[in-house]
Amino acid sequence: MKKEDPTNGLPAEVLLPPTEPTAFSLESSHCSLREAVERAMANYFADVDDEGMISDLYELVLSEVEAPLLQAVLKHTDGNRSRASTMLGLNRGTLRKKLKQHGLLDYNQRR
């Protein structure tokens, strides 16, 4: 049986201590995407002075993650939107809408 942390009931090995904010690269780390998100959220909560001021956290996280996700997939597919939409599980129209929303429609020209 896993040892649980009494403060929130999560297994102790799941909890990551807050770390100093640094440039983080999954390429140079053996950290999983899940671990990176857990660490980022732990850092975010450690930096928040008043939890009552937090609202729309889901939208905040999505807005912070979606643009770099789209950029990474476009880079991986050499800007091929059809392949990118397939990888993301989005139809091409939805991908185009999201690219426009994040100012990435001309992504191929900026690389």
Protein backbone atom coordinates (compact mmCIF):
# COMPACT_ATOMS: atom_id res chain seq x y z
CA MET A 1 0.00 0.00 0.00
CA LYS A 2 1.26 3.47 -0.90
CA LYS A 3 1.96 5.97 1.83
CA GLU A 4 -0.50 8.85 1.59
CA ASP A 5 0.17 12.48 2.29
CA PRO A 6 -2.18 13.58 5.08
CA THR A 7 -2.74 17.04 3.56
CA ASN A 8 -4.49 15.91 0.40
CA GLY A 9 -4.70 12.13 0.31
CA LEU A 10 -2.40 11.71 -2.70
CA PRO A 11 0.29 9.04 -2.60
CA ALA A 12 3.51 10.65 -1.33
CA GLU A 13 5.51 9.64 -4.42
CA VAL A 14 3.02 11.51 -6.66
CA LEU A 15 3.66 14.81 -4.94
CA LEU A 16 6.45 16.90 -6.38
CA PRO A 17 8.06 19.57 -4.26
CA PRO A 18 7.88 23.10 -5.64
CA THR A 19 10.99 23.93 -7.61
CA GLU A 20 12.61 27.14 -8.63
CA PRO A 21 11.24 28.41 -11.95
CA THR A 22 13.71 27.53 -14.70
CA ALA A 23 13.66 27.03 -18.41
CA PHE A 24 12.37 23.51 -18.78
CA SER A 25 12.98 21.27 -21.74
CA LEU A 26 11.50 17.82 -22.11
CA GLU A 27 14.24 17.09 -24.64
CA SER A 28 16.97 17.40 -22.02
CA SER A 29 15.02 15.75 -19.24
CA HIS A 30 13.63 12.35 -18.44
CA CYS A 31 10.54 14.00 -17.01
CA SER A 32 7.21 12.89 -18.47
CA LEU A 33 4.70 15.41 -19.75
CA ARG A 34 2.49 14.56 -16.79
CA GLU A 35 5.34 15.23 -14.36
CA ALA A 36 6.10 18.51 -16.09
CA VAL A 37 2.49 19.63 -15.67
CA GLU A 38 2.45 18.56 -12.01
CA ARG A 39 5.66 20.49 -11.37
CA ALA A 40 4.38 23.57 -13.20
CA MET A 41 1.13 23.52 -11.23
CA ALA A 42 2.99 23.06 -7.93
CA ASN A 43 5.13 26.09 -8.83
CA TYR A 44 2.05 28.09 -9.80
CA PHE A 45 0.28 27.35 -6.51
CA ALA A 46 3.46 28.10 -4.53
CA ASP A 47 3.63 31.54 -6.19
CA VAL A 48 -0.03 32.45 -5.60
CA ASP A 49 -0.47 34.69 -2.59
CA ASP A 50 -4.25 34.44 -2.34
CA GLU A 51 -5.99 31.29 -3.56
CA GLY A 52 -9.24 33.23 -3.59
CA MET A 53 -7.88 35.15 -6.56
CA ILE A 54 -7.64 32.00 -8.70
CA SER A 55 -10.49 31.57 -11.15
CA ASP A 56 -10.82 30.03 -14.59
CA LEU A 57 -7.71 27.94 -13.94
CA TYR A 58 -8.72 25.38 -16.57
CA GLU A 59 -8.93 28.08 -19.26
CA LEU A 60 -5.64 29.61 -18.08
CA VAL A 61 -3.81 26.30 -18.39
CA LEU A 62 -5.33 25.53 -21.79
CA SER A 63 -4.43 28.97 -23.11
CA GLU A 64 -0.84 28.55 -21.91
CA VAL A 65 -0.43 25.01 -23.28
CA GLU A 66 -2.37 25.06 -26.54
CA ALA A 67 -0.16 27.45 -28.56
CA PRO A 68 3.15 25.67 -27.80
CA LEU A 69 1.44 22.32 -28.47
CA LEU A 70 0.29 23.51 -31.88
CA GLN A 71 3.74 24.94 -32.65
CA ALA A 72 5.50 21.71 -31.64
CA VAL A 73 3.20 19.55 -33.76
CA LEU A 74 3.53 21.89 -36.75
CA LYS A 75 7.30 21.82 -36.38
CA HIS A 76 7.27 18.02 -36.15
CA THR A 77 5.13 17.77 -39.31
CA ASP A 78 7.18 20.41 -41.18
CA GLY A 79 4.14 22.67 -41.24
CA ASN A 80 1.87 20.08 -42.84
CA ARG A 81 -1.51 20.99 -41.39
CA SER A 82 -3.21 17.84 -42.63
CA ARG A 83 -0.70 15.63 -40.79
CA ALA A 84 -0.81 17.94 -37.77
CA SER A 85 -4.59 17.77 -37.56
CA THR A 86 -4.45 13.97 -37.71
CA MET A 87 -1.83 13.84 -34.97
CA LEU A 88 -3.88 16.17 -32.78
CA GLY A 89 -7.16 14.39 -33.46
CA LEU A 90 -8.72 17.58 -34.83
CA ASN A 91 -10.33 18.23 -38.17
CA ARG A 92 -8.44 20.65 -40.39
CA GLY A 93 -11.03 23.39 -39.95
CA THR A 94 -10.72 23.25 -36.17
CA LEU A 95 -6.93 23.28 -36.42
CA ARG A 96 -7.07 26.32 -38.70
CA LYS A 97 -9.40 28.09 -36.24
CA LYS A 98 -7.02 27.37 -33.35
CA LEU A 99 -4.00 28.49 -35.38
CA LYS A 100 -5.79 31.76 -36.17
CA GLN A 101 -6.78 32.19 -32.51
CA HIS A 102 -3.12 31.91 -31.46
CA GLY A 103 -1.71 33.96 -34.33
CA LEU A 104 -0.06 30.94 -35.94
CA LEU A 105 -1.73 30.88 -39.36
CA ASP A 106 1.50 31.98 -41.05
CA TYR A 107 3.64 29.54 -39.02
CA ASN A 108 5.51 28.19 -42.11
CA GLN A 109 6.63 31.67 -43.14
CA ARG A 110 8.08 32.43 -39.65
CA ARG A 111 10.27 29.33 -39.34
